[in-house]
Amino acid sequence: MDKIIQFEDFQKIDLRVGTIIEVLDFPEARNPAYQLKIDFGDLGIKKSSAQITTKYTKADLLNKQIVAVVNFPKKQIATFMSQCLVVGAVIGKDVILLHPEHKVTNGSTVN
């Protein structure tokens, strides 16, 4: 591992738990993806584009709690403005979403 960071750098990343409340196909995306709307409680609802179509159906994702970085700048992806980054483990071209083992309050911090 070459990229050592300071603990203060890690503290700048705002990881939160949210619940996916809407999943739409995203045919305009360069790579297969979904458009997600995620409820982060007091932080509100944020949108994200996620390339997770190989492991998850829309039905799998609806009402699923996930972990996302919520303090990145917005990013234009094709016709869609992504407001957060859903995180997961990358295995080849597949992404396995990180999520709490038990239901927690939307907007809960991840340390």
PDB file of N, CA and C in Angstrom:
ATOM      1  N   MET A   1       0.850  -1.174   0.000  1.00  0.00           N
ATOM      2  CA  MET A   1       0.000   0.000   0.000  1.00  0.00           C
ATOM      3  C   MET A   1       0.893   1.234   0.000  1.00  0.00           C
ATOM      4  N   ASP A   2       0.829   2.006  -1.059  1.00  0.00           N
ATOM      5  CA  ASP A   2       1.711   3.153  -1.238  1.00  0.00           C
ATOM      6  C   ASP A   2       1.128   4.472  -0.736  1.00  0.00           C
ATOM      7  N   LYS A   3      -0.175   4.590  -0.666  1.00  0.00           N
ATOM      8  CA  LYS A   3      -0.804   5.879  -0.401  1.00  0.00           C
ATOM      9  C   LYS A   3      -1.171   6.022   1.075  1.00  0.00           C
ATOM     10  N   ILE A   4      -0.214   6.395   1.877  1.00  0.00           N
ATOM     11  CA  ILE A   4      -0.449   6.613   3.297  1.00  0.00           C
ATOM     12  C   ILE A   4      -1.040   8.017   3.472  1.00  0.00           C
ATOM     13  N   ILE A   5      -2.121   8.117   4.238  1.00  0.00           N
ATOM     14  CA  ILE A   5      -2.712   9.421   4.547  1.00  0.00           C
ATOM     15  C   ILE A   5      -2.689   9.615   6.054  1.00  0.00           C
ATOM     16  N   GLN A   6      -2.881  10.829   6.455  1.00  0.00           N
ATOM     17  CA  GLN A   6      -2.958  11.145   7.872  1.00  0.00           C
ATOM     18  C   GLN A   6      -4.393  10.940   8.342  1.00  0.00           C
ATOM     19  N   PHE A   7      -4.559  10.670   9.641  1.00  0.00           N
ATOM     20  CA  PHE A   7      -5.892  10.471  10.203  1.00  0.00           C
ATOM     21  C   PHE A   7      -6.779  11.688   9.930  1.00  0.00           C
ATOM     22  N   GLU A   8      -6.201  12.866   9.960  1.00  0.00           N
ATOM     23  CA  GLU A   8      -6.952  14.098   9.697  1.00  0.00           C
ATOM     24  C   GLU A   8      -7.538  14.090   8.283  1.00  0.00           C
ATOM     25  N   ASP A   9      -6.833  13.479   7.328  1.00  0.00           N
ATOM     26  CA  ASP A   9      -7.351  13.360   5.960  1.00  0.00           C
ATOM     27  C   ASP A   9      -8.593  12.476   5.938  1.00  0.00           C
ATOM     28  N   PHE A  10      -8.541  11.358   6.647  1.00  0.00           N
ATOM     29  CA  PHE A  10      -9.690  10.444   6.716  1.00  0.00           C
ATOM     30  C   PHE A  10     -10.889  11.141   7.348  1.00  0.00           C
ATOM     31  N   GLN A  11     -10.643  11.965   8.363  1.00  0.00           N
ATOM     32  CA  GLN A  11     -11.734  12.655   9.057  1.00  0.00           C
ATOM     33  C   GLN A  11     -12.481  13.628   8.151  1.00  0.00           C
ATOM     34  N   LYS A  12     -11.896  14.023   7.036  1.00  0.00           N
ATOM     35  CA  LYS A  12     -12.547  14.937   6.098  1.00  0.00           C
ATOM     36  C   LYS A  12     -13.634  14.236   5.290  1.00  0.00           C
ATOM     37  N   ILE A  13     -13.570  12.908   5.211  1.00  0.00           N
ATOM     38  CA  ILE A  13     -14.536  12.139   4.421  1.00  0.00           C
ATOM     39  C   ILE A  13     -15.791  11.928   5.263  1.00  0.00           C
ATOM     40  N   ASP A  14     -16.920  12.379   4.748  1.00  0.00           N
ATOM     41  CA  ASP A  14     -18.195  12.258   5.456  1.00  0.00           C
ATOM     42  C   ASP A  14     -18.946  11.043   4.913  1.00  0.00           C
ATOM     43  N   LEU A  15     -18.784   9.911   5.590  1.00  0.00           N
ATOM     44  CA  LEU A  15     -19.473   8.670   5.225  1.00  0.00           C
ATOM     45  C   LEU A  15     -20.769   8.579   6.025  1.00  0.00           C
ATOM     46  N   ARG A  16     -21.869   8.343   5.331  1.00  0.00           N
ATOM     47  CA  ARG A  16     -23.176   8.261   5.981  1.00  0.00           C
ATOM     48  C   ARG A  16     -23.959   7.064   5.473  1.00  0.00           C
ATOM     49  N   VAL A  17     -24.893   6.626   6.297  1.00  0.00           N
ATOM     50  CA  VAL A  17     -25.814   5.557   5.918  1.00  0.00           C
ATOM     51  C   VAL A  17     -27.087   6.200   5.376  1.00  0.00           C
ATOM     52  N   GLY A  18     -27.565   5.658   4.271  1.00  0.00           N
ATOM     53  CA  GLY A  18     -28.827   6.124   3.692  1.00  0.00           C
ATOM     54  C   GLY A  18     -29.614   4.946   3.147  1.00  0.00           C
ATOM     55  N   THR A  19     -30.884   5.181   2.895  1.00  0.00           N
ATOM     56  CA  THR A  19     -31.769   4.150   2.340  1.00  0.00           C
ATOM     57  C   THR A  19     -32.136   4.528   0.908  1.00  0.00           C
ATOM     58  N   ILE A  20     -31.954   3.591  -0.002  1.00  0.00           N
ATOM     59  CA  ILE A  20     -32.304   3.806  -1.410  1.00  0.00           C
ATOM     60  C   ILE A  20     -33.828   3.818  -1.523  1.00  0.00           C
ATOM     61  N   ILE A  21     -34.369   4.933  -2.016  1.00  0.00           N
ATOM     62  CA  ILE A  21     -35.826   5.063  -2.110  1.00  0.00           C
ATOM     63  C   ILE A  21     -36.337   5.050  -3.548  1.00  0.00           C
ATOM     64  N   GLU A  22     -35.418   5.136  -4.514  1.00  0.00           N
ATOM     65  CA  GLU A  22     -35.817   5.059  -5.918  1.00  0.00           C
ATOM     66  C   GLU A  22     -34.642   4.556  -6.738  1.00  0.00           C
ATOM     67  N   VAL A  23     -34.931   3.659  -7.691  1.00  0.00           N
ATOM     68  CA  VAL A  23     -33.909   3.104  -8.585  1.00  0.00           C
ATOM     69  C   VAL A  23     -34.439   3.178 -10.009  1.00  0.00           C
ATOM     70  N   LEU A  24     -33.674   3.840 -10.876  1.00  0.00           N
ATOM     71  CA  LEU A  24     -34.062   3.965 -12.276  1.00  0.00           C
ATOM     72  C   LEU A  24     -32.936   3.465 -13.176  1.00  0.00           C
ATOM     73  N   ASP A  25     -33.302   2.934 -14.334  1.00  0.00           N
ATOM     74  CA  ASP A  25     -32.299   2.597 -15.333  1.00  0.00           C
ATOM     75  C   ASP A  25     -31.630   3.888 -15.797  1.00  0.00           C
ATOM     76  N   PHE A  26     -30.400   3.775 -16.280  1.00  0.00           N
ATOM     77  CA  PHE A  26     -29.638   4.942 -16.734  1.00  0.00           C
ATOM     78  C   PHE A  26     -29.034   4.626 -18.095  1.00  0.00           C
ATOM     79  N   PRO A  27     -29.879   4.568 -19.139  1.00  0.00           N
ATOM     80  CA  PRO A  27     -29.387   4.166 -20.458  1.00  0.00           C
ATOM     81  C   PRO A  27     -28.373   5.124 -21.066  1.00  0.00           C
ATOM     82  N   GLU A  28     -28.334   6.388 -20.615  1.00  0.00           N
ATOM     83  CA  GLU A  28     -27.390   7.367 -21.175  1.00  0.00           C
ATOM     84  C   GLU A  28     -25.971   7.185 -20.628  1.00  0.00           C
ATOM     85  N   ALA A  29     -25.814   6.429 -19.570  1.00  0.00           N
ATOM     86  CA  ALA A  29     -24.492   6.231 -18.964  1.00  0.00           C
ATOM     87  C   ALA A  29     -23.583   5.462 -19.916  1.00  0.00           C
ATOM     88  N   ARG A  30     -22.288   5.790 -19.882  1.00  0.00           N
ATOM     89  CA  ARG A  30     -21.309   5.122 -20.744  1.00  0.00           C
ATOM     90  C   ARG A  30     -21.217   3.635 -20.392  1.00  0.00           C
ATOM     91  N   ASN A  31     -21.210   3.323 -19.096  1.00  0.00           N
ATOM     92  CA  ASN A  31     -21.207   1.936 -18.617  1.00  0.00           C
ATOM     93  C   ASN A  31     -22.536   1.670 -17.933  1.00  0.00           C
ATOM     94  N   PRO A  32     -23.024   0.417 -17.954  1.00  0.00           N
ATOM     95  CA  PRO A  32     -24.317   0.124 -17.330  1.00  0.00           C
ATOM     96  C   PRO A  32     -24.372   0.621 -15.883  1.00  0.00           C
ATOM     97  N   ALA A  33     -25.448   1.363 -15.575  1.00  0.00           N
ATOM     98  CA  ALA A  33     -25.574   1.964 -14.250  1.00  0.00           C
ATOM     99  C   ALA A  33     -27.046   2.181 -13.914  1.00  0.00           C
ATOM    100  N   TYR A  34     -27.283   2.442 -12.641  1.00  0.00           N
ATOM    101  CA  TYR A  34     -28.595   2.860 -12.161  1.00  0.00           C
ATOM    102  C   TYR A  34     -28.493   4.296 -11.661  1.00  0.00           C
ATOM    103  N   GLN A  35     -29.616   4.993 -11.701  1.00  0.00           N
ATOM    104  CA  GLN A  35     -29.757   6.270 -11.014  1.00  0.00           C
ATOM    105  C   GLN A  35     -30.457   5.982  -9.692  1.00  0.00           C
ATOM    106  N   LEU A  36     -29.847   6.395  -8.599  1.00  0.00           N
ATOM    107  CA  LEU A  36     -30.399   6.131  -7.268  1.00  0.00           C
ATOM    108  C   LEU A  36     -30.814   7.429  -6.602  1.00  0.00           C
ATOM    109  N   LYS A  37     -31.913   7.387  -5.853  1.00  0.00           N
ATOM    110  CA  LYS A  37     -32.261   8.446  -4.917  1.00  0.00           C
ATOM    111  C   LYS A  37     -32.132   7.823  -3.529  1.00  0.00           C
ATOM    112  N   ILE A  38     -31.383   8.501  -2.666  1.00  0.00           N
ATOM    113  CA  ILE A  38     -31.037   7.940  -1.362  1.00  0.00           C
ATOM    114  C   ILE A  38     -31.453   8.912  -0.267  1.00  0.00           C
ATOM    115  N   ASP A  39     -32.178   8.408   0.723  1.00  0.00           N
ATOM    116  CA  ASP A  39     -32.629   9.213   1.859  1.00  0.00           C
ATOM    117  C   ASP A  39     -31.570   9.169   2.954  1.00  0.00           C
ATOM    118  N   PHE A  40     -30.982  10.340   3.252  1.00  0.00           N
ATOM    119  CA  PHE A  40     -29.976  10.456   4.303  1.00  0.00           C
ATOM    120  C   PHE A  40     -30.529  11.174   5.532  1.00  0.00           C
ATOM    121  N   GLY A  41     -31.809  11.019   5.804  1.00  0.00           N
ATOM    122  CA  GLY A  41     -32.414  11.604   6.993  1.00  0.00           C
ATOM    123  C   GLY A  41     -32.312  13.118   6.986  1.00  0.00           C
ATOM    124  N   ASP A  42     -31.718  13.695   8.047  1.00  0.00           N
ATOM    125  CA  ASP A  42     -31.613  15.150   8.182  1.00  0.00           C
ATOM    126  C   ASP A  42     -30.799  15.797   7.062  1.00  0.00           C
ATOM    127  N   LEU A  43     -29.939  15.027   6.389  1.00  0.00           N
ATOM    128  CA  LEU A  43     -29.158  15.567   5.271  1.00  0.00           C
ATOM    129  C   LEU A  43     -29.989  15.681   3.994  1.00  0.00           C
ATOM    130  N   GLY A  44     -31.153  15.063   3.982  1.00  0.00           N
ATOM    131  CA  GLY A  44     -32.033  15.113   2.823  1.00  0.00           C
ATOM    132  C   GLY A  44     -31.822  13.956   1.863  1.00  0.00           C
ATOM    133  N   ILE A  45     -32.405  14.101   0.702  1.00  0.00           N
ATOM    134  CA  ILE A  45     -32.332  13.077  -0.344  1.00  0.00           C
ATOM    135  C   ILE A  45     -31.269  13.499  -1.345  1.00  0.00           C
ATOM    136  N   LYS A  46     -30.369  12.571  -1.659  1.00  0.00           N
ATOM    137  CA  LYS A  46     -29.301  12.830  -2.620  1.00  0.00           C
ATOM    138  C   LYS A  46     -29.376  11.791  -3.733  1.00  0.00           C
ATOM    139  N   LYS A  47     -28.883  12.181  -4.907  1.00  0.00           N
ATOM    140  CA  LYS A  47     -28.881  11.301  -6.066  1.00  0.00           C
ATOM    141  C   LYS A  47     -27.471  10.780  -6.322  1.00  0.00           C
ATOM    142  N   SER A  48     -27.403   9.565  -6.865  1.00  0.00           N
ATOM    143  CA  SER A  48     -26.120   8.977  -7.214  1.00  0.00           C
ATOM    144  C   SER A  48     -26.281   8.077  -8.428  1.00  0.00           C
ATOM    145  N   SER A  49     -25.252   8.066  -9.257  1.00  0.00           N
ATOM    146  CA  SER A  49     -25.171   7.109 -10.351  1.00  0.00           C
ATOM    147  C   SER A  49     -24.263   5.976  -9.869  1.00  0.00           C
ATOM    148  N   ALA A  50     -24.702   4.739 -10.032  1.00  0.00           N
ATOM    149  CA  ALA A  50     -23.923   3.620  -9.520  1.00  0.00           C
ATOM    150  C   ALA A  50     -23.854   2.495 -10.555  1.00  0.00           C
ATOM    151  N   GLN A  51     -22.617   2.060 -10.843  1.00  0.00           N
ATOM    152  CA  GLN A  51     -22.395   0.963 -11.790  1.00  0.00           C
ATOM    153  C   GLN A  51     -22.461  -0.364 -11.032  1.00  0.00           C
ATOM    154  N   ILE A  52     -23.673  -0.738 -10.662  1.00  0.00           N
ATOM    155  CA  ILE A  52     -23.882  -1.933  -9.828  1.00  0.00           C
ATOM    156  C   ILE A  52     -24.905  -2.877 -10.450  1.00  0.00           C
ATOM    157  N   THR A  53     -25.066  -2.795 -11.763  1.00  0.00           N
ATOM    158  CA  THR A  53     -26.113  -3.569 -12.439  1.00  0.00           C
ATOM    159  C   THR A  53     -25.795  -5.052 -12.566  1.00  0.00           C
ATOM    160  N   THR A  54     -24.526  -5.442 -12.429  1.00  0.00           N
ATOM    161  CA  THR A  54     -24.189  -6.856 -12.601  1.00  0.00           C
ATOM    162  C   THR A  54     -24.550  -7.698 -11.383  1.00  0.00           C
ATOM    163  N   LYS A  55     -24.579  -7.091 -10.206  1.00  0.00           N
ATOM    164  CA  LYS A  55     -24.851  -7.843  -8.972  1.00  0.00           C
ATOM    165  C   LYS A  55     -26.210  -7.541  -8.358  1.00  0.00           C
ATOM    166  N   TYR A  56     -26.867  -6.451  -8.788  1.00  0.00           N
ATOM    167  CA  TYR A  56     -28.108  -6.023  -8.137  1.00  0.00           C
ATOM    168  C   TYR A  56     -29.181  -5.696  -9.167  1.00  0.00           C
ATOM    169  N   THR A  57     -30.408  -6.134  -8.875  1.00  0.00           N
ATOM    170  CA  THR A  57     -31.562  -5.704  -9.664  1.00  0.00           C
ATOM    171  C   THR A  57     -32.145  -4.467  -8.986  1.00  0.00           C
ATOM    172  N   LYS A  58     -33.034  -3.801  -9.685  1.00  0.00           N
ATOM    173  CA  LYS A  58     -33.692  -2.638  -9.083  1.00  0.00           C
ATOM    174  C   LYS A  58     -34.459  -3.056  -7.828  1.00  0.00           C
ATOM    175  N   ALA A  59     -35.101  -4.210  -7.875  1.00  0.00           N
ATOM    176  CA  ALA A  59     -35.856  -4.697  -6.709  1.00  0.00           C
ATOM    177  C   ALA A  59     -34.930  -4.989  -5.526  1.00  0.00           C
ATOM    178  N   ASP A  60     -33.713  -5.516  -5.804  1.00  0.00           N
ATOM    179  CA  ASP A  60     -32.737  -5.767  -4.728  1.00  0.00           C
ATOM    180  C   ASP A  60     -32.376  -4.482  -3.996  1.00  0.00           C
ATOM    181  N   LEU A  61     -32.296  -3.390  -4.735  1.00  0.00           N
ATOM    182  CA  LEU A  61     -31.776  -2.137  -4.189  1.00  0.00           C
ATOM    183  C   LEU A  61     -32.818  -1.297  -3.455  1.00  0.00           C
ATOM    184  N   LEU A  62     -34.066  -1.392  -3.880  1.00  0.00           N
ATOM    185  CA  LEU A  62     -35.103  -0.558  -3.283  1.00  0.00           C
ATOM    186  C   LEU A  62     -35.229  -0.842  -1.792  1.00  0.00           C
ATOM    187  N   ASN A  63     -35.153   0.190  -0.984  1.00  0.00           N
ATOM    188  CA  ASN A  63     -35.237   0.146   0.482  1.00  0.00           C
ATOM    189  C   ASN A  63     -34.006  -0.467   1.152  1.00  0.00           C
ATOM    190  N   LYS A  64     -32.928  -0.643   0.405  1.00  0.00           N
ATOM    191  CA  LYS A  64     -31.677  -1.165   0.970  1.00  0.00           C
ATOM    192  C   LYS A  64     -30.880  -0.015   1.587  1.00  0.00           C
ATOM    193  N   GLN A  65     -30.347  -0.235   2.771  1.00  0.00           N
ATOM    194  CA  GLN A  65     -29.452   0.752   3.373  1.00  0.00           C
ATOM    195  C   GLN A  65     -28.049   0.543   2.828  1.00  0.00           C
ATOM    196  N   ILE A  66     -27.389   1.656   2.526  1.00  0.00           N
ATOM    197  CA  ILE A  66     -26.047   1.641   1.952  1.00  0.00           C
ATOM    198  C   ILE A  66     -25.174   2.671   2.659  1.00  0.00           C
ATOM    199  N   VAL A  67     -23.896   2.665   2.331  1.00  0.00           N
ATOM    200  CA  VAL A  67     -22.952   3.668   2.834  1.00  0.00           C
ATOM    201  C   VAL A  67     -22.493   4.508   1.644  1.00  0.00           C
ATOM    202  N   ALA A  68     -22.415   5.818   1.862  1.00  0.00           N
ATOM    203  CA  ALA A  68     -21.992   6.713   0.783  1.00  0.00           C
ATOM    204  C   ALA A  68     -21.173   7.871   1.344  1.00  0.00           C
ATOM    205  N   VAL A  69     -20.298   8.398   0.488  1.00  0.00           N
ATOM    206  CA  VAL A  69     -19.582   9.634   0.787  1.00  0.00           C
ATOM    207  C   VAL A  69     -20.513  10.767   0.360  1.00  0.00           C
ATOM    208  N   VAL A  70     -20.837  11.665   1.299  1.00  0.00           N
ATOM    209  CA  VAL A  70     -21.815  12.716   0.990  1.00  0.00           C
ATOM    210  C   VAL A  70     -21.196  14.107   0.858  1.00  0.00           C
ATOM    211  N   ASN A  71     -19.874  14.219   1.001  1.00  0.00           N
ATOM    212  CA  ASN A  71     -19.276  15.555   0.918  1.00  0.00           C
ATOM    213  C   ASN A  71     -18.304  15.729  -0.258  1.00  0.00           C
ATOM    214  N   PHE A  72     -18.458  14.915  -1.307  1.00  0.00           N
ATOM    215  CA  PHE A  72     -17.750  15.178  -2.554  1.00  0.00           C
ATOM    216  C   PHE A  72     -18.504  16.257  -3.323  1.00  0.00           C
ATOM    217  N   PRO A  73     -17.838  16.977  -4.217  1.00  0.00           N
ATOM    218  CA  PRO A  73     -18.584  17.914  -5.072  1.00  0.00           C
ATOM    219  C   PRO A  73     -19.499  17.135  -6.019  1.00  0.00           C
ATOM    220  N   LYS A  74     -20.570  17.790  -6.454  1.00  0.00           N
ATOM    221  CA  LYS A  74     -21.471  17.168  -7.429  1.00  0.00           C
ATOM    222  C   LYS A  74     -20.689  16.844  -8.692  1.00  0.00           C
ATOM    223  N   LYS A  75     -21.130  15.780  -9.393  1.00  0.00           N
ATOM    224  CA  LYS A  75     -20.442  15.372 -10.620  1.00  0.00           C
ATOM    225  C   LYS A  75     -21.473  15.077 -11.704  1.00  0.00           C
ATOM    226  N   GLN A  76     -21.276  15.691 -12.854  1.00  0.00           N
ATOM    227  CA  GLN A  76     -22.153  15.457 -14.004  1.00  0.00           C
ATOM    228  C   GLN A  76     -21.766  14.134 -14.655  1.00  0.00           C
ATOM    229  N   ILE A  77     -22.730  13.221 -14.763  1.00  0.00           N
ATOM    230  CA  ILE A  77     -22.515  11.940 -15.425  1.00  0.00           C
ATOM    231  C   ILE A  77     -23.584  11.829 -16.506  1.00  0.00           C
ATOM    232  N   ALA A  78     -23.160  11.999 -17.750  1.00  0.00           N
ATOM    233  CA  ALA A  78     -24.087  12.063 -18.894  1.00  0.00           C
ATOM    234  C   ALA A  78     -25.134  13.138 -18.593  1.00  0.00           C
ATOM    235  N   THR A  79     -26.404  12.753 -18.526  1.00  0.00           N
ATOM    236  CA  THR A  79     -27.496  13.717 -18.317  1.00  0.00           C
ATOM    237  C   THR A  79     -27.888  13.846 -16.846  1.00  0.00           C
ATOM    238  N   PHE A  80     -27.082  13.318 -15.950  1.00  0.00           N
ATOM    239  CA  PHE A  80     -27.456  13.168 -14.533  1.00  0.00           C
ATOM    240  C   PHE A  80     -26.423  13.835 -13.632  1.00  0.00           C
ATOM    241  N   MET A  81     -26.878  14.517 -12.591  1.00  0.00           N
ATOM    242  CA  MET A  81     -25.982  15.149 -11.624  1.00  0.00           C
ATOM    243  C   MET A  81     -25.917  14.266 -10.370  1.00  0.00           C
ATOM    244  N   SER A  82     -24.763  13.636 -10.162  1.00  0.00           N
ATOM    245  CA  SER A  82     -24.556  12.764  -9.005  1.00  0.00           C
ATOM    246  C   SER A  82     -24.116  13.621  -7.816  1.00  0.00           C
ATOM    247  N   GLN A  83     -24.743  13.407  -6.655  1.00  0.00           N
ATOM    248  CA  GLN A  83     -24.502  14.231  -5.471  1.00  0.00           C
ATOM    249  C   GLN A  83     -23.766  13.493  -4.350  1.00  0.00           C
ATOM    250  N   CYS A  84     -23.569  12.208  -4.502  1.00  0.00           N
ATOM    251  CA  CYS A  84     -22.854  11.422  -3.491  1.00  0.00           C
ATOM    252  C   CYS A  84     -22.253  10.194  -4.172  1.00  0.00           C
ATOM    253  N   LEU A  85     -21.349   9.517  -3.459  1.00  0.00           N
ATOM    254  CA  LEU A  85     -20.683   8.337  -4.002  1.00  0.00           C
ATOM    255  C   LEU A  85     -20.993   7.136  -3.125  1.00  0.00           C
ATOM    256  N   VAL A  86     -21.753   6.198  -3.667  1.00  0.00           N
ATOM    257  CA  VAL A  86     -22.054   4.952  -2.967  1.00  0.00           C
ATOM    258  C   VAL A  86     -20.786   4.115  -2.939  1.00  0.00           C
ATOM    259  N   VAL A  87     -20.463   3.519  -1.788  1.00  0.00           N
ATOM    260  CA  VAL A  87     -19.206   2.784  -1.675  1.00  0.00           C
ATOM    261  C   VAL A  87     -19.439   1.278  -1.616  1.00  0.00           C
ATOM    262  N   GLY A  88     -18.450   0.553  -2.132  1.00  0.00           N
ATOM    263  CA  GLY A  88     -18.522  -0.893  -2.140  1.00  0.00           C
ATOM    264  C   GLY A  88     -17.157  -1.496  -2.402  1.00  0.00           C
ATOM    265  N   ALA A  89     -17.079  -2.786  -2.229  1.00  0.00           N
ATOM    266  CA  ALA A  89     -15.861  -3.536  -2.519  1.00  0.00           C
ATOM    267  C   ALA A  89     -15.852  -3.864  -4.010  1.00  0.00           C
ATOM    268  N   VAL A  90     -14.714  -3.643  -4.658  1.00  0.00           N
ATOM    269  CA  VAL A  90     -14.601  -3.886  -6.092  1.00  0.00           C
ATOM    270  C   VAL A  90     -13.908  -5.220  -6.301  1.00  0.00           C
ATOM    271  N   ILE A  91     -14.604  -6.107  -7.038  1.00  0.00           N
ATOM    272  CA  ILE A  91     -14.071  -7.426  -7.358  1.00  0.00           C
ATOM    273  C   ILE A  91     -14.163  -7.567  -8.877  1.00  0.00           C
ATOM    274  N   GLY A  92     -13.042  -7.372  -9.548  1.00  0.00           N
ATOM    275  CA  GLY A  92     -13.065  -7.358 -11.008  1.00  0.00           C
ATOM    276  C   GLY A  92     -13.858  -6.156 -11.474  1.00  0.00           C
ATOM    277  N   LYS A  93     -14.935  -6.401 -12.212  1.00  0.00           N
ATOM    278  CA  LYS A  93     -15.805  -5.308 -12.664  1.00  0.00           C
ATOM    279  C   LYS A  93     -17.060  -5.189 -11.812  1.00  0.00           C
ATOM    280  N   ASP A  94     -17.185  -6.040 -10.809  1.00  0.00           N
ATOM    281  CA  ASP A  94     -18.358  -6.025  -9.933  1.00  0.00           C
ATOM    282  C   ASP A  94     -18.110  -5.167  -8.710  1.00  0.00           C
ATOM    283  N   VAL A  95     -19.179  -4.541  -8.232  1.00  0.00           N
ATOM    284  CA  VAL A  95     -19.131  -3.769  -6.991  1.00  0.00           C
ATOM    285  C   VAL A  95     -20.113  -4.402  -6.021  1.00  0.00           C
ATOM    286  N   ILE A  96     -19.619  -4.733  -4.825  1.00  0.00           N
ATOM    287  CA  ILE A  96     -20.452  -5.282  -3.768  1.00  0.00           C
ATOM    288  C   ILE A  96     -20.661  -4.157  -2.754  1.00  0.00           C
ATOM    289  N   LEU A  97     -21.891  -3.718  -2.607  1.00  0.00           N
ATOM    290  CA  LEU A  97     -22.190  -2.576  -1.762  1.00  0.00           C
ATOM    291  C   LEU A  97     -21.872  -2.834  -0.294  1.00  0.00           C
ATOM    292  N   LEU A  98     -21.352  -1.792   0.363  1.00  0.00           N
ATOM    293  CA  LEU A  98     -21.169  -1.841   1.812  1.00  0.00           C
ATOM    294  C   LEU A  98     -22.469  -1.375   2.448  1.00  0.00           C
ATOM    295  N   HIS A  99     -22.877  -2.074   3.510  1.00  0.00           N
ATOM    296  CA  HIS A  99     -24.132  -1.707   4.168  1.00  0.00           C
ATOM    297  C   HIS A  99     -24.095  -2.157   5.627  1.00  0.00           C
ATOM    298  N   PRO A 100     -24.879  -1.492   6.487  1.00  0.00           N
ATOM    299  CA  PRO A 100     -24.893  -1.892   7.893  1.00  0.00           C
ATOM    300  C   PRO A 100     -25.515  -3.274   8.066  1.00  0.00           C
ATOM    301  N   GLU A 101     -25.021  -3.987   9.047  1.00  0.00           N
ATOM    302  CA  GLU A 101     -25.557  -5.323   9.339  1.00  0.00           C
ATOM    303  C   GLU A 101     -26.966  -5.246   9.917  1.00  0.00           C
ATOM    304  N   HIS A 102     -27.242  -4.185  10.655  1.00  0.00           N
ATOM    305  CA  HIS A 102     -28.566  -3.956  11.241  1.00  0.00           C
ATOM    306  C   HIS A 102     -29.077  -2.606  10.774  1.00  0.00           C
ATOM    307  N   LYS A 103     -30.390  -2.447  10.745  1.00  0.00           N
ATOM    308  CA  LYS A 103     -30.980  -1.173  10.325  1.00  0.00           C
ATOM    309  C   LYS A 103     -30.565  -0.074  11.310  1.00  0.00           C
ATOM    310  N   VAL A 104     -30.142   1.068  10.747  1.00  0.00           N
ATOM    311  CA  VAL A 104     -29.755   2.230  11.545  1.00  0.00           C
ATOM    312  C   VAL A 104     -30.491   3.456  11.008  1.00  0.00           C
ATOM    313  N   THR A 105     -30.435   4.535  11.755  1.00  0.00           N
ATOM    314  CA  THR A 105     -31.073   5.774  11.351  1.00  0.00           C
ATOM    315  C   THR A 105     -30.389   6.336  10.108  1.00  0.00           C
ATOM    316  N   ASN A 106     -31.186   6.728   9.106  1.00  0.00           N
ATOM    317  CA  ASN A 106     -30.644   7.368   7.916  1.00  0.00           C
ATOM    318  C   ASN A 106     -29.866   8.613   8.323  1.00  0.00           C
ATOM    319  N   GLY A 107     -28.684   8.769   7.753  1.00  0.00           N
ATOM    320  CA  GLY A 107     -27.832   9.896   8.065  1.00  0.00           C
ATOM    321  C   GLY A 107     -26.799   9.567   9.127  1.00  0.00           C
ATOM    322  N   SER A 108     -26.861   8.355   9.704  1.00  0.00           N
ATOM    323  CA  SER A 108     -25.875   7.961  10.705  1.00  0.00           C
ATOM    324  C   SER A 108     -24.474   8.031  10.105  1.00  0.00           C
ATOM    325  N   THR A 109     -23.507   8.475  10.907  1.00  0.00           N
ATOM    326  CA  THR A 109     -22.136   8.573  10.436  1.00  0.00           C
ATOM    327  C   THR A 109     -21.454   7.210  10.489  1.00  0.00           C
ATOM    328  N   VAL A 110     -20.460   7.050   9.635  1.00  0.00           N
ATOM    329  CA  VAL A 110     -19.635   5.838   9.605  1.00  0.00           C
ATOM    330  C   VAL A 110     -18.222   6.261   9.955  1.00  0.00           C
ATOM    331  N   ASN A 111     -17.668   5.659  10.980  1.00  0.00           N
ATOM    332  CA  ASN A 111     -16.298   6.002  11.421  1.00  0.00           C
ATOM    333  C   ASN A 111     -15.389   4.830  11.234  1.00  0.00           C
TER     334      ASN A 111
END
